[in-house]
């Protein structure tokens, strides 16, 4: 089972919430205010965090490039956001 233990509005807030422990998996968006998904992953990578990360990705070429960067920074996988449009 999966239990949601918290939510954050940006990467900086997510990193603060990780300090309390009890988080095994994090789902992050590439595009977030204040600290985006790549910056958050870079911080996790530098701190040798064992939190597993799944990245939410959009459909644009630029976002696809960022998704590849996220995978190189240690993200486990990515999920493409649905396009309603």
PDB file of N, CA and C in Angstrom:
ATOM      1  N   UNK A   1       0.779  -1.173   0.000  1.00  0.00           N
ATOM      2  CA  UNK A   1       0.000   0.000   0.000  1.00  0.00           C
ATOM      3  C   UNK A   1       0.839   1.263   0.000  1.00  0.00           C
ATOM      4  N   UNK A   2       0.241   2.261  -0.501  1.00  0.00           N
ATOM      5  CA  UNK A   2       0.854   3.589  -0.546  1.00  0.00           C
ATOM      6  C   UNK A   2       0.033   4.527   0.314  1.00  0.00           C
ATOM      7  N   UNK A   3       0.721   5.306   1.111  1.00  0.00           N
ATOM      8  CA  UNK A   3       0.061   6.324   1.929  1.00  0.00           C
ATOM      9  C   UNK A   3       0.680   7.674   1.613  1.00  0.00           C
ATOM     10  N   UNK A   4      -0.157   8.646   1.317  1.00  0.00           N
ATOM     11  CA  UNK A   4       0.333  10.005   1.093  1.00  0.00           C
ATOM     12  C   UNK A   4       0.640  10.601   2.463  1.00  0.00           C
ATOM     13  N   UNK A   5       1.903  10.996   2.652  1.00  0.00           N
ATOM     14  CA  UNK A   5       2.303  11.539   3.954  1.00  0.00           C
ATOM     15  C   UNK A   5       2.503  13.046   3.920  1.00  0.00           C
ATOM     16  N   UNK A   6       2.372  13.645   2.745  1.00  0.00           N
ATOM     17  CA  UNK A   6       2.507  15.088   2.659  1.00  0.00           C
ATOM     18  C   UNK A   6       2.453  15.573   1.230  1.00  0.00           C
ATOM     19  N   UNK A   7       2.276  16.872   1.119  1.00  0.00           N
ATOM     20  CA  UNK A   7       2.264  17.529  -0.177  1.00  0.00           C
ATOM     21  C   UNK A   7       3.055  18.811  -0.048  1.00  0.00           C
ATOM     22  N   UNK A   8       3.618  19.251  -1.166  1.00  0.00           N
ATOM     23  CA  UNK A   8       4.395  20.486  -1.162  1.00  0.00           C
ATOM     24  C   UNK A   8       4.103  21.261  -2.437  1.00  0.00           C
ATOM     25  N   UNK A   9       4.148  22.574  -2.349  1.00  0.00           N
ATOM     26  CA  UNK A   9       3.860  23.428  -3.493  1.00  0.00           C
ATOM     27  C   UNK A   9       5.056  23.706  -4.382  1.00  0.00           C
ATOM     28  N   UNK A  10       6.263  23.393  -3.888  1.00  0.00           N
ATOM     29  CA  UNK A  10       7.469  23.609  -4.682  1.00  0.00           C
ATOM     30  C   UNK A  10       8.588  22.718  -4.152  1.00  0.00           C
ATOM     31  N   UNK A  11       9.688  22.676  -4.861  1.00  0.00           N
ATOM     32  CA  UNK A  11      10.799  21.810  -4.487  1.00  0.00           C
ATOM     33  C   UNK A  11      11.417  22.145  -3.147  1.00  0.00           C
ATOM     34  N   UNK A  12      11.538  23.405  -2.840  1.00  0.00           N
ATOM     35  CA  UNK A  12      12.144  23.821  -1.563  1.00  0.00           C
ATOM     36  C   UNK A  12      11.314  23.295  -0.382  1.00  0.00           C
ATOM     37  N   UNK A  13      10.013  23.433  -0.491  1.00  0.00           N
ATOM     38  CA  UNK A  13       9.122  22.940   0.556  1.00  0.00           C
ATOM     39  C   UNK A  13       9.194  21.409   0.642  1.00  0.00           C
ATOM     40  N   UNK A  14       9.271  20.741  -0.495  1.00  0.00           N
ATOM     41  CA  UNK A  14       9.368  19.275  -0.510  1.00  0.00           C
ATOM     42  C   UNK A  14      10.630  18.807   0.209  1.00  0.00           C
ATOM     43  N   UNK A  15      11.748  19.475  -0.033  1.00  0.00           N
ATOM     44  CA  UNK A  15      12.999  19.096   0.631  1.00  0.00           C
ATOM     45  C   UNK A  15      12.898  19.295   2.138  1.00  0.00           C
ATOM     46  N   UNK A  16      12.235  20.357   2.569  1.00  0.00           N
ATOM     47  CA  UNK A  16      12.035  20.575   4.015  1.00  0.00           C
ATOM     48  C   UNK A  16      11.202  19.453   4.616  1.00  0.00           C
ATOM     49  N   UNK A  17      10.176  19.043   3.915  1.00  0.00           N
ATOM     50  CA  UNK A  17       9.297  17.979   4.418  1.00  0.00           C
ATOM     51  C   UNK A  17      10.029  16.639   4.490  1.00  0.00           C
ATOM     52  N   UNK A  18      11.002  16.423   3.603  1.00  0.00           N
ATOM     53  CA  UNK A  18      11.765  15.174   3.623  1.00  0.00           C
ATOM     54  C   UNK A  18      12.606  15.036   4.890  1.00  0.00           C
ATOM     55  N   UNK A  19      12.967  16.153   5.476  1.00  0.00           N
ATOM     56  CA  UNK A  19      13.805  16.129   6.678  1.00  0.00           C
ATOM     57  C   UNK A  19      13.143  15.386   7.835  1.00  0.00           C
ATOM     58  N   UNK A  20      11.811  15.349   7.849  1.00  0.00           N
ATOM     59  CA  UNK A  20      11.108  14.672   8.936  1.00  0.00           C
ATOM     60  C   UNK A  20      11.145  13.155   8.789  1.00  0.00           C
ATOM     61  N   UNK A  21      11.581  12.656   7.641  1.00  0.00           N
ATOM     62  CA  UNK A  21      11.698  11.222   7.424  1.00  0.00           C
ATOM     63  C   UNK A  21      10.382  10.569   7.061  1.00  0.00           C
ATOM     64  N   UNK A  22      10.415   9.265   6.910  1.00  0.00           N
ATOM     65  CA  UNK A  22       9.223   8.501   6.604  1.00  0.00           C
ATOM     66  C   UNK A  22       8.766   8.566   5.164  1.00  0.00           C
ATOM     67  N   UNK A  23       9.610   9.091   4.276  1.00  0.00           N
ATOM     68  CA  UNK A  23       9.241   9.205   2.868  1.00  0.00           C
ATOM     69  C   UNK A  23      10.109   8.247   2.055  1.00  0.00           C
ATOM     70  N   UNK A  24       9.461   7.346   1.338  1.00  0.00           N
ATOM     71  CA  UNK A  24      10.174   6.388   0.491  1.00  0.00           C
ATOM     72  C   UNK A  24      10.123   6.759  -0.979  1.00  0.00           C
ATOM     73  N   UNK A  25       9.053   7.464  -1.368  1.00  0.00           N
ATOM     74  CA  UNK A  25       8.824   7.798  -2.770  1.00  0.00           C
ATOM     75  C   UNK A  25       8.288   9.214  -2.871  1.00  0.00           C
ATOM     76  N   UNK A  26       8.797   9.926  -3.843  1.00  0.00           N
ATOM     77  CA  UNK A  26       8.371  11.299  -4.075  1.00  0.00           C
ATOM     78  C   UNK A  26       7.961  11.426  -5.540  1.00  0.00           C
ATOM     79  N   UNK A  27       6.842  12.087  -5.790  1.00  0.00           N
ATOM     80  CA  UNK A  27       6.411  12.371  -7.156  1.00  0.00           C
ATOM     81  C   UNK A  27       6.554  13.873  -7.335  1.00  0.00           C
ATOM     82  N   UNK A  28       7.367  14.280  -8.313  1.00  0.00           N
ATOM     83  CA  UNK A  28       7.579  15.710  -8.525  1.00  0.00           C
ATOM     84  C   UNK A  28       7.299  16.086  -9.970  1.00  0.00           C
ATOM     85  N   UNK A  29       6.925  17.324 -10.144  1.00  0.00           N
ATOM     86  CA  UNK A  29       6.689  17.884 -11.472  1.00  0.00           C
ATOM     87  C   UNK A  29       7.973  18.574 -11.917  1.00  0.00           C
ATOM     88  N   UNK A  30       8.259  18.510 -13.190  1.00  0.00           N
ATOM     89  CA  UNK A  30       9.411  19.241 -13.725  1.00  0.00           C
ATOM     90  C   UNK A  30       9.202  20.741 -13.511  1.00  0.00           C
ATOM     91  N   UNK A  31       7.990  21.212 -13.753  1.00  0.00           N
ATOM     92  CA  UNK A  31       7.698  22.640 -13.646  1.00  0.00           C
ATOM     93  C   UNK A  31       7.046  22.932 -12.299  1.00  0.00           C
ATOM     94  N   UNK A  32       7.801  23.547 -11.407  1.00  0.00           N
ATOM     95  CA  UNK A  32       7.291  23.981 -10.107  1.00  0.00           C
ATOM     96  C   UNK A  32       7.830  25.376  -9.831  1.00  0.00           C
ATOM     97  N   UNK A  33       7.094  26.168  -9.058  1.00  0.00           N
ATOM     98  CA  UNK A  33       7.595  27.496  -8.713  1.00  0.00           C
ATOM     99  C   UNK A  33       8.734  27.408  -7.699  1.00  0.00           C
ATOM    100  N   UNK A  34       9.506  28.451  -7.618  1.00  0.00           N
ATOM    101  CA  UNK A  34      10.571  28.633  -6.626  1.00  0.00           C
ATOM    102  C   UNK A  34      11.755  27.694  -6.828  1.00  0.00           C
ATOM    103  N   UNK A  35      11.552  26.391  -6.791  1.00  0.00           N
ATOM    104  CA  UNK A  35      12.604  25.412  -7.066  1.00  0.00           C
ATOM    105  C   UNK A  35      11.976  24.309  -7.914  1.00  0.00           C
ATOM    106  N   UNK A  36      12.387  24.216  -9.179  1.00  0.00           N
ATOM    107  CA  UNK A  36      11.740  23.258 -10.067  1.00  0.00           C
ATOM    108  C   UNK A  36      12.200  21.823  -9.795  1.00  0.00           C
ATOM    109  N   UNK A  37      11.641  20.894 -10.552  1.00  0.00           N
ATOM    110  CA  UNK A  37      11.939  19.486 -10.348  1.00  0.00           C
ATOM    111  C   UNK A  37      13.398  19.127 -10.546  1.00  0.00           C
ATOM    112  N   UNK A  38      14.050  19.716 -11.547  1.00  0.00           N
ATOM    113  CA  UNK A  38      15.466  19.419 -11.782  1.00  0.00           C
ATOM    114  C   UNK A  38      16.336  19.914 -10.638  1.00  0.00           C
ATOM    115  N   UNK A  39      16.072  21.115 -10.162  1.00  0.00           N
ATOM    116  CA  UNK A  39      16.834  21.639  -9.018  1.00  0.00           C
ATOM    117  C   UNK A  39      16.638  20.761  -7.787  1.00  0.00           C
ATOM    118  N   UNK A  40      15.423  20.307  -7.580  1.00  0.00           N
ATOM    119  CA  UNK A  40      15.122  19.442  -6.446  1.00  0.00           C
ATOM    120  C   UNK A  40      15.888  18.128  -6.566  1.00  0.00           C
ATOM    121  N   UNK A  41      15.882  17.538  -7.761  1.00  0.00           N
ATOM    122  CA  UNK A  41      16.622  16.296  -7.983  1.00  0.00           C
ATOM    123  C   UNK A  41      18.121  16.490  -7.807  1.00  0.00           C
ATOM    124  N   UNK A  42      18.645  17.614  -8.268  1.00  0.00           N
ATOM    125  CA  UNK A  42      20.075  17.894  -8.091  1.00  0.00           C
ATOM    126  C   UNK A  42      20.422  17.920  -6.610  1.00  0.00           C
ATOM    127  N   UNK A  43      19.586  18.547  -5.816  1.00  0.00           N
ATOM    128  CA  UNK A  43      19.825  18.613  -4.380  1.00  0.00           C
ATOM    129  C   UNK A  43      19.777  17.211  -3.765  1.00  0.00           C
ATOM    130  N   UNK A  44      18.765  16.426  -4.130  1.00  0.00           N
ATOM    131  CA  UNK A  44      18.663  15.060  -3.625  1.00  0.00           C
ATOM    132  C   UNK A  44      19.872  14.230  -4.034  1.00  0.00           C
ATOM    133  N   UNK A  45      20.329  14.404  -5.264  1.00  0.00           N
ATOM    134  CA  UNK A  45      21.491  13.678  -5.782  1.00  0.00           C
ATOM    135  C   UNK A  45      22.749  14.034  -4.984  1.00  0.00           C
ATOM    136  N   UNK A  46      22.947  15.328  -4.730  1.00  0.00           N
ATOM    137  CA  UNK A  46      24.124  15.778  -3.965  1.00  0.00           C
ATOM    138  C   UNK A  46      24.088  15.295  -2.522  1.00  0.00           C
ATOM    139  N   UNK A  47      22.895  15.214  -1.954  1.00  0.00           N
ATOM    140  CA  UNK A  47      22.783  14.813  -0.550  1.00  0.00           C
ATOM    141  C   UNK A  47      22.746  13.291  -0.382  1.00  0.00           C
ATOM    142  N   UNK A  48      22.845  12.569  -1.486  1.00  0.00           N
ATOM    143  CA  UNK A  48      22.828  11.101  -1.479  1.00  0.00           C
ATOM    144  C   UNK A  48      21.560  10.543  -0.846  1.00  0.00           C
ATOM    145  N   UNK A  49      20.456  11.247  -1.031  1.00  0.00           N
ATOM    146  CA  UNK A  49      19.170  10.814  -0.502  1.00  0.00           C
ATOM    147  C   UNK A  49      18.757   9.488  -1.132  1.00  0.00           C
ATOM    148  N   UNK A  50      18.117   8.656  -0.344  1.00  0.00           N
ATOM    149  CA  UNK A  50      17.637   7.357  -0.835  1.00  0.00           C
ATOM    150  C   UNK A  50      16.167   7.403  -1.239  1.00  0.00           C
ATOM    151  N   UNK A  51      15.585   8.576  -1.211  1.00  0.00           N
ATOM    152  CA  UNK A  51      14.185   8.720  -1.621  1.00  0.00           C
ATOM    153  C   UNK A  51      14.094   8.451  -3.119  1.00  0.00           C
ATOM    154  N   UNK A  52      13.179   7.591  -3.490  1.00  0.00           N
ATOM    155  CA  UNK A  52      12.961   7.305  -4.902  1.00  0.00           C
ATOM    156  C   UNK A  52      12.048   8.390  -5.472  1.00  0.00           C
ATOM    157  N   UNK A  53      12.285   8.760  -6.725  1.00  0.00           N
ATOM    158  CA  UNK A  53      11.560   9.880  -7.325  1.00  0.00           C
ATOM    159  C   UNK A  53      10.959   9.466  -8.669  1.00  0.00           C
ATOM    160  N   UNK A  54       9.693   9.815  -8.843  1.00  0.00           N
ATOM    161  CA  UNK A  54       9.025   9.698 -10.135  1.00  0.00           C
ATOM    162  C   UNK A  54       8.707  11.112 -10.583  1.00  0.00           C
ATOM    163  N   UNK A  55       8.985  11.406 -11.833  1.00  0.00           N
ATOM    164  CA  UNK A  55       8.824  12.750 -12.378  1.00  0.00           C
ATOM    165  C   UNK A  55       7.579  12.820 -13.254  1.00  0.00           C
ATOM    166  N   UNK A  56       6.799  13.896 -13.079  1.00  0.00           N
ATOM    167  CA  UNK A  56       5.678  14.183 -13.974  1.00  0.00           C
ATOM    168  C   UNK A  56       6.209  15.032 -15.112  1.00  0.00           C
ATOM    169  N   UNK A  57       5.884  14.654 -16.321  1.00  0.00           N
ATOM    170  CA  UNK A  57       6.440  15.310 -17.493  1.00  0.00           C
ATOM    171  C   UNK A  57       5.336  15.759 -18.434  1.00  0.00           C
ATOM    172  N   UNK A  58       5.596  16.836 -19.146  1.00  0.00           N
ATOM    173  CA  UNK A  58       4.667  17.322 -20.158  1.00  0.00           C
ATOM    174  C   UNK A  58       5.021  16.783 -21.526  1.00  0.00           C
ATOM    175  N   UNK A  59       4.389  17.343 -22.549  1.00  0.00           N
ATOM    176  CA  UNK A  59       4.541  16.832 -23.910  1.00  0.00           C
ATOM    177  C   UNK A  59       5.525  17.627 -24.765  1.00  0.00           C
ATOM    178  N   UNK A  60       5.961  18.783 -24.332  1.00  0.00           N
ATOM    179  CA  UNK A  60       6.799  19.601 -25.205  1.00  0.00           C
ATOM    180  C   UNK A  60       8.214  19.046 -25.307  1.00  0.00           C
ATOM    181  N   UNK A  61       8.885  19.423 -26.357  1.00  0.00           N
ATOM    182  CA  UNK A  61      10.263  18.954 -26.576  1.00  0.00           C
ATOM    183  C   UNK A  61      11.171  19.390 -25.425  1.00  0.00           C
ATOM    184  N   UNK A  62      11.023  20.631 -24.981  1.00  0.00           N
ATOM    185  CA  UNK A  62      11.850  21.154 -23.883  1.00  0.00           C
ATOM    186  C   UNK A  62      11.625  20.345 -22.605  1.00  0.00           C
ATOM    187  N   UNK A  63      10.377  20.056 -22.293  1.00  0.00           N
ATOM    188  CA  UNK A  63      10.071  19.276 -21.092  1.00  0.00           C
ATOM    189  C   UNK A  63      10.610  17.853 -21.244  1.00  0.00           C
ATOM    190  N   UNK A  64      10.546  17.298 -22.450  1.00  0.00           N
ATOM    191  CA  UNK A  64      11.095  15.961 -22.694  1.00  0.00           C
ATOM    192  C   UNK A  64      12.601  15.948 -22.428  1.00  0.00           C
ATOM    193  N   UNK A  65      13.296  16.996 -22.828  1.00  0.00           N
ATOM    194  CA  UNK A  65      14.735  17.099 -22.549  1.00  0.00           C
ATOM    195  C   UNK A  65      14.990  17.177 -21.052  1.00  0.00           C
ATOM    196  N   UNK A  66      14.149  17.917 -20.344  1.00  0.00           N
ATOM    197  CA  UNK A  66      14.287  18.019 -18.889  1.00  0.00           C
ATOM    198  C   UNK A  66      14.010  16.670 -18.231  1.00  0.00           C
ATOM    199  N   UNK A  67      13.077  15.914 -18.784  1.00  0.00           N
ATOM    200  CA  UNK A  67      12.768  14.592 -18.247  1.00  0.00           C
ATOM    201  C   UNK A  67      13.981  13.675 -18.368  1.00  0.00           C
ATOM    202  N   UNK A  68      14.659  13.728 -19.492  1.00  0.00           N
ATOM    203  CA  UNK A  68      15.878  12.924 -19.669  1.00  0.00           C
ATOM    204  C   UNK A  68      16.927  13.350 -18.645  1.00  0.00           C
ATOM    205  N   UNK A  69      17.067  14.645 -18.435  1.00  0.00           N
ATOM    206  CA  UNK A  69      18.003  15.134 -17.412  1.00  0.00           C
ATOM    207  C   UNK A  69      17.620  14.609 -16.036  1.00  0.00           C
ATOM    208  N   UNK A  70      16.322  14.586 -15.740  1.00  0.00           N
ATOM    209  CA  UNK A  70      15.851  14.087 -14.448  1.00  0.00           C
ATOM    210  C   UNK A  70      16.215  12.613 -14.262  1.00  0.00           C
ATOM    211  N   UNK A  71      16.066  11.835 -15.310  1.00  0.00           N
ATOM    212  CA  UNK A  71      16.436  10.419 -15.236  1.00  0.00           C
ATOM    213  C   UNK A  71      17.933  10.260 -15.003  1.00  0.00           C
ATOM    214  N   UNK A  72      18.721  11.104 -15.637  1.00  0.00           N
ATOM    215  CA  UNK A  72      20.171  11.063 -15.432  1.00  0.00           C
ATOM    216  C   UNK A  72      20.563  11.474 -14.015  1.00  0.00           C
ATOM    217  N   UNK A  73      19.718  12.287 -13.378  1.00  0.00           N
ATOM    218  CA  UNK A  73      19.974  12.709 -11.998  1.00  0.00           C
ATOM    219  C   UNK A  73      19.457  11.709 -10.969  1.00  0.00           C
ATOM    220  N   UNK A  74      18.880  10.610 -11.442  1.00  0.00           N
ATOM    221  CA  UNK A  74      18.477   9.570 -10.513  1.00  0.00           C
ATOM    222  C   UNK A  74      16.994   9.310 -10.369  1.00  0.00           C
ATOM    223  N   UNK A  75      16.157  10.023 -11.111  1.00  0.00           N
ATOM    224  CA  UNK A  75      14.724   9.726 -11.041  1.00  0.00           C
ATOM    225  C   UNK A  75      14.514   8.288 -11.497  1.00  0.00           C
ATOM    226  N   UNK A  76      13.611   7.600 -10.837  1.00  0.00           N
ATOM    227  CA  UNK A  76      13.336   6.200 -11.159  1.00  0.00           C
ATOM    228  C   UNK A  76      12.623   6.061 -12.503  1.00  0.00           C
ATOM    229  N   UNK A  77      11.681   6.963 -12.736  1.00  0.00           N
ATOM    230  CA  UNK A  77      10.859   6.861 -13.930  1.00  0.00           C
ATOM    231  C   UNK A  77      10.117   8.178 -14.113  1.00  0.00           C
ATOM    232  N   UNK A  78       9.315   8.263 -15.153  1.00  0.00           N
ATOM    233  CA  UNK A  78       8.503   9.446 -15.386  1.00  0.00           C
ATOM    234  C   UNK A  78       7.118   9.037 -15.839  1.00  0.00           C
ATOM    235  N   UNK A  79       6.168   9.909 -15.623  1.00  0.00           N
ATOM    236  CA  UNK A  79       4.797   9.733 -16.060  1.00  0.00           C
ATOM    237  C   UNK A  79       4.438  10.970 -16.864  1.00  0.00           C
ATOM    238  N   UNK A  80       3.912  10.772 -18.067  1.00  0.00           N
ATOM    239  CA  UNK A  80       3.516  11.895 -18.912  1.00  0.00           C
ATOM    240  C   UNK A  80       2.134  12.375 -18.459  1.00  0.00           C
ATOM    241  N   UNK A  81       2.054  13.674 -18.213  1.00  0.00           N
ATOM    242  CA  UNK A  81       0.768  14.268 -17.829  1.00  0.00           C
ATOM    243  C   UNK A  81      -0.196  14.164 -19.000  1.00  0.00           C
ATOM    244  N   UNK A  82      -1.449  13.870 -18.711  1.00  0.00           N
ATOM    245  CA  UNK A  82      -2.423  13.804 -19.802  1.00  0.00           C
ATOM    246  C   UNK A  82      -2.622  15.173 -20.438  1.00  0.00           C
ATOM    247  N   UNK A  83      -2.895  15.160 -21.722  1.00  0.00           N
ATOM    248  CA  UNK A  83      -3.150  16.385 -22.452  1.00  0.00           C
ATOM    249  C   UNK A  83      -4.641  16.494 -22.719  1.00  0.00           C
ATOM    250  N   UNK A  84      -5.247  17.554 -22.230  1.00  0.00           N
ATOM    251  CA  UNK A  84      -6.669  17.773 -22.445  1.00  0.00           C
ATOM    252  C   UNK A  84      -6.830  18.902 -23.435  1.00  0.00           C
ATOM    253  N   UNK A  85      -6.928  18.563 -24.680  1.00  0.00           N
ATOM    254  CA  UNK A  85      -7.010  19.617 -25.476  1.00  0.00           C
ATOM    255  C   UNK A  85      -7.320  20.026 -26.700  1.00  0.00           C
TER     256      UNK A  85
END
